[in-house]
Amino acid sequence: MFDSEVLLPDLWDILGAVPVTLAMALGIFVFSTIVGSLFAMVEYRRVPLLRELVVAYKVVFKGVPMVIVIFLAYYGLPPTLRFLTSLVGIDYNGHSTPNWITLIVALTACVAAFQAEVVKGALNSFDNGQADAAYSLGYKRSQVFRRVMLPQVIVAAIPDLANSIMVIMKALSLGFAIEVVDIFAQSQLTAALNFYYLEAFLIAVVIYMVIAYIVTYTADRMERALRVWA
């Protein structure tokens, strides 16, 4: 039976995981966007050899399930860190690495492959005729990129970048497999104490919906504002 009396206590418990979840999501979003943008620029500029490596990277990380990448990072990152630190004379126990860092690294590697496609699509949407016109007015290459190209690329990428934030939010729920507690994991833990699973998961759904609304609304406002500026 549905018990509305547990909703408020469960809500406070699950809300406690929201700041951590948002912090991890923001970190993954920033890191993956930076890496993905670099990959997209390599493809856009058609840099020899690096372009082929980027394509191979995207094929791998878009094809392998995220949960597998998480476990590969969970078991592979500690010895890798220990080996790398030993090269510079540091004795670091890789197994002391917090699981949330492992999760961020794993999901950043996965999401970067998708962010590369987002930025690449935005770059390809740019009209090169505008760059030619700017060059004819005496603009340097750096000025064309900063003043003409970049504003339009950002505007074109905003909707897909907003979607990627929600993809990251949902992907974080896989962190429960390596004992990282996010909104979903906290709802499971809360329900395990009183056995009111339906109530706990409904609260999680509402929280995710509120976050999705805020992200979508913010992205729409940013897009409208930047279109005027661009």
C-alpha atoms as a PDB file:
ATOM      1  CA  MET A   1       0.000   0.000   0.000  1.00  0.00           C
ATOM      2  CA  PHE A   2       1.089   3.547  -0.756  1.00  0.00           C
ATOM      3  CA  ASP A   3       1.872   5.462   2.443  1.00  0.00           C
ATOM      4  CA  SER A   4       2.009   9.230   2.091  1.00  0.00           C
ATOM      5  CA  GLU A   5       3.306   9.655   5.639  1.00  0.00           C
ATOM      6  CA  VAL A   6       6.794   8.451   4.654  1.00  0.00           C
ATOM      7  CA  LEU A   7       7.104  10.898   1.755  1.00  0.00           C
ATOM      8  CA  LEU A   8       8.433  13.845   3.752  1.00  0.00           C
ATOM      9  CA  PRO A   9      11.025  11.892   5.807  1.00  0.00           C
ATOM     10  CA  ASP A  10      12.168  10.064   2.664  1.00  0.00           C
ATOM     11  CA  LEU A  11      12.335  13.334   0.753  1.00  0.00           C
ATOM     12  CA  TRP A  12      14.781  14.835   3.247  1.00  0.00           C
ATOM     13  CA  ASP A  13      16.954  11.734   3.122  1.00  0.00           C
ATOM     14  CA  ILE A  14      17.097  11.655  -0.672  1.00  0.00           C
ATOM     15  CA  LEU A  15      17.640  15.413  -0.974  1.00  0.00           C
ATOM     16  CA  GLY A  16      20.870  14.909   0.939  1.00  0.00           C
ATOM     17  CA  ALA A  17      22.337  13.200  -2.131  1.00  0.00           C
ATOM     18  CA  VAL A  18      21.377  16.002  -4.529  1.00  0.00           C
ATOM     19  CA  PRO A  19      24.414  18.293  -3.932  1.00  0.00           C
ATOM     20  CA  VAL A  20      26.872  15.418  -4.398  1.00  0.00           C
ATOM     21  CA  THR A  21      25.075  14.248  -7.529  1.00  0.00           C
ATOM     22  CA  LEU A  22      25.037  17.736  -9.037  1.00  0.00           C
ATOM     23  CA  ALA A  23      28.704  18.302  -8.176  1.00  0.00           C
ATOM     24  CA  MET A  24      29.745  15.054  -9.879  1.00  0.00           C
ATOM     25  CA  ALA A  25      27.510  15.795 -12.881  1.00  0.00           C
ATOM     26  CA  LEU A  26      28.990  19.287 -13.247  1.00  0.00           C
ATOM     27  CA  GLY A  27      32.535  17.942 -13.023  1.00  0.00           C
ATOM     28  CA  ILE A  28      31.879  15.267 -15.629  1.00  0.00           C
ATOM     29  CA  PHE A  29      30.149  17.787 -17.883  1.00  0.00           C
ATOM     30  CA  VAL A  30      33.027  20.283 -17.737  1.00  0.00           C
ATOM     31  CA  PHE A  31      35.803  17.722 -18.203  1.00  0.00           C
ATOM     32  CA  SER A  32      34.000  15.789 -20.951  1.00  0.00           C
ATOM     33  CA  THR A  33      33.122  18.993 -22.817  1.00  0.00           C
ATOM     34  CA  ILE A  34      36.741  20.159 -22.748  1.00  0.00           C
ATOM     35  CA  VAL A  35      38.035  16.792 -23.959  1.00  0.00           C
ATOM     36  CA  GLY A  36      35.235  16.445 -26.503  1.00  0.00           C
ATOM     37  CA  SER A  37      35.900  19.947 -27.850  1.00  0.00           C
ATOM     38  CA  LEU A  38      39.570  19.106 -28.368  1.00  0.00           C
ATOM     39  CA  PHE A  39      38.574  15.918 -30.197  1.00  0.00           C
ATOM     40  CA  ALA A  40      36.093  17.851 -32.332  1.00  0.00           C
ATOM     41  CA  MET A  41      38.721  20.429 -33.287  1.00  0.00           C
ATOM     42  CA  VAL A  42      41.099  17.641 -34.313  1.00  0.00           C
ATOM     43  CA  GLU A  43      38.432  16.228 -36.621  1.00  0.00           C
ATOM     44  CA  TYR A  44      37.345  19.631 -37.877  1.00  0.00           C
ATOM     45  CA  ARG A  45      40.915  20.600 -38.742  1.00  0.00           C
ATOM     46  CA  ARG A  46      41.544  17.090 -40.129  1.00  0.00           C
ATOM     47  CA  VAL A  47      44.805  16.693 -38.223  1.00  0.00           C
ATOM     48  CA  PRO A  48      46.648  13.666 -39.679  1.00  0.00           C
ATOM     49  CA  LEU A  49      46.938  10.580 -37.449  1.00  0.00           C
ATOM     50  CA  LEU A  50      45.255  12.313 -34.499  1.00  0.00           C
ATOM     51  CA  ARG A  51      41.995  12.346 -36.443  1.00  0.00           C
ATOM     52  CA  GLU A  52      42.128   8.567 -36.902  1.00  0.00           C
ATOM     53  CA  LEU A  53      42.879   8.102 -33.200  1.00  0.00           C
ATOM     54  CA  VAL A  54      39.920  10.293 -32.239  1.00  0.00           C
ATOM     55  CA  VAL A  55      37.589   8.328 -34.517  1.00  0.00           C
ATOM     56  CA  ALA A  56      38.805   5.063 -32.973  1.00  0.00           C
ATOM     57  CA  TYR A  57      38.292   6.498 -29.489  1.00  0.00           C
ATOM     58  CA  LYS A  58      34.719   7.501 -30.285  1.00  0.00           C
ATOM     59  CA  VAL A  59      33.906   4.103 -31.760  1.00  0.00           C
ATOM     60  CA  VAL A  60      35.152   2.364 -28.621  1.00  0.00           C
ATOM     61  CA  PHE A  61      33.541   4.561 -25.992  1.00  0.00           C
ATOM     62  CA  LYS A  62      30.245   4.992 -27.819  1.00  0.00           C
ATOM     63  CA  GLY A  63      29.962   1.248 -28.337  1.00  0.00           C
ATOM     64  CA  VAL A  64      30.996  -0.102 -24.932  1.00  0.00           C
ATOM     65  CA  PRO A  65      28.294   0.099 -22.200  1.00  0.00           C
ATOM     66  CA  MET A  66      29.089   2.675 -19.548  1.00  0.00           C
ATOM     67  CA  VAL A  67      28.789   0.161 -16.734  1.00  0.00           C
ATOM     68  CA  ILE A  68      31.615  -1.875 -18.277  1.00  0.00           C
ATOM     69  CA  VAL A  69      33.809   1.224 -18.513  1.00  0.00           C
ATOM     70  CA  ILE A  70      33.036   1.953 -14.857  1.00  0.00           C
ATOM     71  CA  PHE A  71      34.190  -1.518 -13.795  1.00  0.00           C
ATOM     72  CA  LEU A  72      37.272  -1.286 -16.019  1.00  0.00           C
ATOM     73  CA  ALA A  73      38.159   1.980 -14.304  1.00  0.00           C
ATOM     74  CA  TYR A  74      37.350   0.529 -10.887  1.00  0.00           C
ATOM     75  CA  TYR A  75      39.771  -2.368 -11.331  1.00  0.00           C
ATOM     76  CA  GLY A  76      42.256  -0.771 -13.738  1.00  0.00           C
ATOM     77  CA  LEU A  77      42.686   2.788 -12.479  1.00  0.00           C
ATOM     78  CA  PRO A  78      44.352   2.000  -9.097  1.00  0.00           C
ATOM     79  CA  PRO A  79      47.254  -0.054 -10.530  1.00  0.00           C
ATOM     80  CA  THR A  80      47.615   2.437 -13.382  1.00  0.00           C
ATOM     81  CA  LEU A  81      47.907   5.353 -10.955  1.00  0.00           C
ATOM     82  CA  ARG A  82      50.386   3.431  -8.837  1.00  0.00           C
ATOM     83  CA  PHE A  83      52.522   2.669 -11.881  1.00  0.00           C
ATOM     84  CA  LEU A  84      52.451   6.250 -13.176  1.00  0.00           C
ATOM     85  CA  THR A  85      53.314   7.754  -9.799  1.00  0.00           C
ATOM     86  CA  SER A  86      56.162   5.263  -9.361  1.00  0.00           C
ATOM     87  CA  LEU A  87      57.741   6.658 -12.527  1.00  0.00           C
ATOM     88  CA  VAL A  88      58.279   9.978 -10.742  1.00  0.00           C
ATOM     89  CA  GLY A  89      59.403   8.371  -7.501  1.00  0.00           C
ATOM     90  CA  ILE A  90      56.108   8.618  -5.609  1.00  0.00           C
ATOM     91  CA  ASP A  91      54.797   5.606  -3.684  1.00  0.00           C
ATOM     92  CA  TYR A  92      51.031   6.027  -4.097  1.00  0.00           C
ATOM     93  CA  ASN A  93      48.511   3.373  -3.189  1.00  0.00           C
ATOM     94  CA  GLY A  94      46.105   3.506  -6.111  1.00  0.00           C
ATOM     95  CA  HIS A  95      43.505   1.501  -4.202  1.00  0.00           C
ATOM     96  CA  SER A  96      43.049   4.443  -1.854  1.00  0.00           C
ATOM     97  CA  THR A  97      41.523   6.441  -4.710  1.00  0.00           C
ATOM     98  CA  PRO A  98      37.933   7.361  -3.773  1.00  0.00           C
ATOM     99  CA  ASN A  99      35.291   5.565  -5.809  1.00  0.00           C
ATOM    100  CA  TRP A 100      33.642   8.836  -6.790  1.00  0.00           C
ATOM    101  CA  ILE A 101      36.829   9.888  -8.564  1.00  0.00           C
ATOM    102  CA  THR A 102      36.868   6.575 -10.420  1.00  0.00           C
ATOM    103  CA  LEU A 103      33.257   7.173 -11.453  1.00  0.00           C
ATOM    104  CA  ILE A 104      34.018  10.686 -12.708  1.00  0.00           C
ATOM    105  CA  VAL A 105      36.991   9.446 -14.735  1.00  0.00           C
ATOM    106  CA  ALA A 106      35.001   6.586 -16.269  1.00  0.00           C
ATOM    107  CA  LEU A 107      31.961   8.655 -17.203  1.00  0.00           C
ATOM    108  CA  THR A 108      34.096  11.526 -18.470  1.00  0.00           C
ATOM    109  CA  ALA A 109      35.814   9.111 -20.849  1.00  0.00           C
ATOM    110  CA  CYS A 110      32.434   7.876 -22.097  1.00  0.00           C
ATOM    111  CA  VAL A 111      30.633  11.213 -22.352  1.00  0.00           C
ATOM    112  CA  ALA A 112      33.608  12.899 -24.068  1.00  0.00           C
ATOM    113  CA  ALA A 113      32.955  10.710 -27.116  1.00  0.00           C
ATOM    114  CA  PHE A 114      29.398  12.064 -27.352  1.00  0.00           C
ATOM    115  CA  GLN A 115      30.418  15.644 -26.576  1.00  0.00           C
ATOM    116  CA  ALA A 116      32.879  15.445 -29.458  1.00  0.00           C
ATOM    117  CA  GLU A 117      29.961  14.740 -31.798  1.00  0.00           C
ATOM    118  CA  VAL A 118      27.963  17.637 -30.349  1.00  0.00           C
ATOM    119  CA  VAL A 119      30.777  20.149 -30.806  1.00  0.00           C
ATOM    120  CA  LYS A 120      31.686  18.721 -34.208  1.00  0.00           C
ATOM    121  CA  GLY A 121      28.108  19.193 -35.397  1.00  0.00           C
ATOM    122  CA  ALA A 122      28.110  22.770 -34.129  1.00  0.00           C
ATOM    123  CA  LEU A 123      31.412  23.461 -35.908  1.00  0.00           C
ATOM    124  CA  ASN A 124      30.095  22.007 -39.158  1.00  0.00           C
ATOM    125  CA  SER A 125      27.005  24.218 -38.927  1.00  0.00           C
ATOM    126  CA  PHE A 126      29.170  27.335 -39.174  1.00  0.00           C
ATOM    127  CA  ASP A 127      29.013  29.116 -42.536  1.00  0.00           C
ATOM    128  CA  ASN A 128      32.591  29.410 -43.799  1.00  0.00           C
ATOM    129  CA  GLY A 129      31.511  32.338 -45.953  1.00  0.00           C
ATOM    130  CA  GLN A 130      31.387  34.449 -42.803  1.00  0.00           C
ATOM    131  CA  ALA A 131      35.002  33.564 -42.056  1.00  0.00           C
ATOM    132  CA  ASP A 132      36.020  34.541 -45.583  1.00  0.00           C
ATOM    133  CA  ALA A 133      34.245  37.869 -45.178  1.00  0.00           C
ATOM    134  CA  ALA A 134      36.005  38.483 -41.869  1.00  0.00           C
ATOM    135  CA  TYR A 135      39.386  37.681 -43.403  1.00  0.00           C
ATOM    136  CA  SER A 136      38.669  40.172 -46.180  1.00  0.00           C
ATOM    137  CA  LEU A 137      38.099  42.833 -43.513  1.00  0.00           C
ATOM    138  CA  GLY A 138      41.542  42.186 -42.051  1.00  0.00           C
ATOM    139  CA  TYR A 139      40.606  39.857 -39.199  1.00  0.00           C
ATOM    140  CA  LYS A 140      43.278  37.463 -37.979  1.00  0.00           C
ATOM    141  CA  ARG A 141      42.560  33.749 -37.629  1.00  0.00           C
ATOM    142  CA  SER A 142      42.313  33.980 -33.837  1.00  0.00           C
ATOM    143  CA  GLN A 143      39.946  36.947 -34.111  1.00  0.00           C
ATOM    144  CA  VAL A 144      37.696  35.120 -36.563  1.00  0.00           C
ATOM    145  CA  PHE A 145      37.471  32.152 -34.218  1.00  0.00           C
ATOM    146  CA  ARG A 146      36.845  34.237 -31.091  1.00  0.00           C
ATOM    147  CA  ARG A 147      34.526  36.918 -32.474  1.00  0.00           C
ATOM    148  CA  VAL A 148      32.726  35.245 -35.367  1.00  0.00           C
ATOM    149  CA  MET A 149      32.868  31.468 -35.104  1.00  0.00           C
ATOM    150  CA  LEU A 150      32.849  30.733 -31.362  1.00  0.00           C
ATOM    151  CA  PRO A 151      29.628  32.633 -30.472  1.00  0.00           C
ATOM    152  CA  GLN A 152      27.678  30.837 -33.204  1.00  0.00           C
ATOM    153  CA  VAL A 153      29.138  27.432 -32.335  1.00  0.00           C
ATOM    154  CA  ILE A 154      28.181  27.849 -28.680  1.00  0.00           C
ATOM    155  CA  VAL A 155      24.607  28.774 -29.575  1.00  0.00           C
ATOM    156  CA  ALA A 156      24.293  25.791 -31.911  1.00  0.00           C
ATOM    157  CA  ALA A 157      25.650  23.405 -29.273  1.00  0.00           C
ATOM    158  CA  ILE A 158      23.591  24.565 -26.280  1.00  0.00           C
ATOM    159  CA  PRO A 159      20.515  22.304 -26.797  1.00  0.00           C
ATOM    160  CA  ASP A 160      22.598  19.153 -27.164  1.00  0.00           C
ATOM    161  CA  LEU A 161      24.885  20.148 -24.312  1.00  0.00           C
ATOM    162  CA  ALA A 162      21.831  20.591 -22.078  1.00  0.00           C
ATOM    163  CA  ASN A 163      20.686  17.103 -23.050  1.00  0.00           C
ATOM    164  CA  SER A 164      24.110  15.727 -22.182  1.00  0.00           C
ATOM    165  CA  ILE A 165      23.743  17.027 -18.624  1.00  0.00           C
ATOM    166  CA  MET A 166      20.647  14.877 -18.152  1.00  0.00           C
ATOM    167  CA  VAL A 167      22.414  11.913 -19.745  1.00  0.00           C
ATOM    168  CA  ILE A 168      25.182  12.363 -17.182  1.00  0.00           C
ATOM    169  CA  MET A 169      22.659  12.607 -14.348  1.00  0.00           C
ATOM    170  CA  LYS A 170      21.130   9.289 -15.356  1.00  0.00           C
ATOM    171  CA  ALA A 171      24.515   7.660 -15.963  1.00  0.00           C
ATOM    172  CA  LEU A 172      25.552   8.528 -12.407  1.00  0.00           C
ATOM    173  CA  SER A 173      22.999   6.023 -11.137  1.00  0.00           C
ATOM    174  CA  LEU A 174      25.368   3.317 -12.415  1.00  0.00           C
ATOM    175  CA  GLY A 175      27.807   4.432  -9.721  1.00  0.00           C
ATOM    176  CA  PHE A 176      25.835   2.402  -7.172  1.00  0.00           C
ATOM    177  CA  ALA A 177      27.639  -0.638  -8.631  1.00  0.00           C
ATOM    178  CA  ILE A 178      30.893   0.667  -7.117  1.00  0.00           C
ATOM    179  CA  GLU A 179      29.275   2.077  -3.962  1.00  0.00           C
ATOM    180  CA  VAL A 180      28.951   5.700  -5.060  1.00  0.00           C
ATOM    181  CA  VAL A 181      25.754   7.174  -3.643  1.00  0.00           C
ATOM    182  CA  ASP A 182      23.776   9.527  -5.887  1.00  0.00           C
ATOM    183  CA  ILE A 183      20.064  10.380  -5.943  1.00  0.00           C
ATOM    184  CA  PHE A 184      19.034   6.955  -7.227  1.00  0.00           C
ATOM    185  CA  ALA A 185      21.322   5.075  -4.856  1.00  0.00           C
ATOM    186  CA  GLN A 186      20.115   7.129  -1.886  1.00  0.00           C
ATOM    187  CA  SER A 187      16.501   6.343  -2.773  1.00  0.00           C
ATOM    188  CA  GLN A 188      17.386   2.642  -2.742  1.00  0.00           C
ATOM    189  CA  LEU A 189      19.134   2.938   0.615  1.00  0.00           C
ATOM    190  CA  THR A 190      16.268   4.942   2.092  1.00  0.00           C
ATOM    191  CA  ALA A 191      13.689   2.431   0.884  1.00  0.00           C
ATOM    192  CA  ALA A 192      15.715  -0.467   2.259  1.00  0.00           C
ATOM    193  CA  LEU A 193      15.243   0.919   5.766  1.00  0.00           C
ATOM    194  CA  ASN A 194      11.447   1.046   5.711  1.00  0.00           C
ATOM    195  CA  PHE A 195      10.559  -1.087   2.658  1.00  0.00           C
ATOM    196  CA  TYR A 196       8.557   1.739   1.045  1.00  0.00           C
ATOM    197  CA  TYR A 197      10.251   1.420  -2.351  1.00  0.00           C
ATOM    198  CA  LEU A 198       7.447   2.934  -4.431  1.00  0.00           C
ATOM    199  CA  GLU A 199       7.411   6.100  -2.364  1.00  0.00           C
ATOM    200  CA  ALA A 200      11.195   6.491  -2.445  1.00  0.00           C
ATOM    201  CA  PHE A 201      11.440   5.996  -6.201  1.00  0.00           C
ATOM    202  CA  LEU A 202       8.558   8.419  -6.844  1.00  0.00           C
ATOM    203  CA  ILE A 203      10.445  11.053  -4.863  1.00  0.00           C
ATOM    204  CA  ALA A 204      13.554  10.364  -6.952  1.00  0.00           C
ATOM    205  CA  VAL A 205      11.495  10.771 -10.128  1.00  0.00           C
ATOM    206  CA  VAL A 206      10.190  14.147  -8.974  1.00  0.00           C
ATOM    207  CA  ILE A 207      13.702  15.336  -8.091  1.00  0.00           C
ATOM    208  CA  TYR A 208      15.032  14.289 -11.501  1.00  0.00           C
ATOM    209  CA  MET A 209      12.097  16.047 -13.198  1.00  0.00           C
ATOM    210  CA  VAL A 210      12.773  19.278 -11.288  1.00  0.00           C
ATOM    211  CA  ILE A 211      16.459  19.173 -12.231  1.00  0.00           C
ATOM    212  CA  ALA A 212      15.564  18.466 -15.870  1.00  0.00           C
ATOM    213  CA  TYR A 213      13.179  21.429 -15.906  1.00  0.00           C
ATOM    214  CA  ILE A 214      15.796  23.768 -14.424  1.00  0.00           C
ATOM    215  CA  VAL A 215      18.448  22.617 -16.900  1.00  0.00           C
ATOM    216  CA  THR A 216      16.082  22.953 -19.868  1.00  0.00           C
ATOM    217  CA  TYR A 217      14.799  26.367 -18.784  1.00  0.00           C
ATOM    218  CA  THR A 218      18.325  27.678 -18.170  1.00  0.00           C
ATOM    219  CA  ALA A 219      19.542  26.368 -21.523  1.00  0.00           C
ATOM    220  CA  ASP A 220      16.618  28.000 -23.349  1.00  0.00           C
ATOM    221  CA  ARG A 221      17.282  31.331 -21.667  1.00  0.00           C
ATOM    222  CA  MET A 222      20.990  31.138 -22.470  1.00  0.00           C
ATOM    223  CA  GLU A 223      20.304  30.244 -26.092  1.00  0.00           C
ATOM    224  CA  ARG A 224      17.934  33.187 -26.575  1.00  0.00           C
ATOM    225  CA  ALA A 225      20.340  35.601 -24.917  1.00  0.00           C
ATOM    226  CA  LEU A 226      23.353  34.393 -26.890  1.00  0.00           C
ATOM    227  CA  ARG A 227      21.495  34.464 -30.214  1.00  0.00           C
ATOM    228  CA  VAL A 228      21.004  38.192 -29.747  1.00  0.00           C
ATOM    229  CA  TRP A 229      24.702  38.597 -28.908  1.00  0.00           C
ATOM    230  CA  ALA A 230      25.864  36.324 -31.734  1.00  0.00           C
END
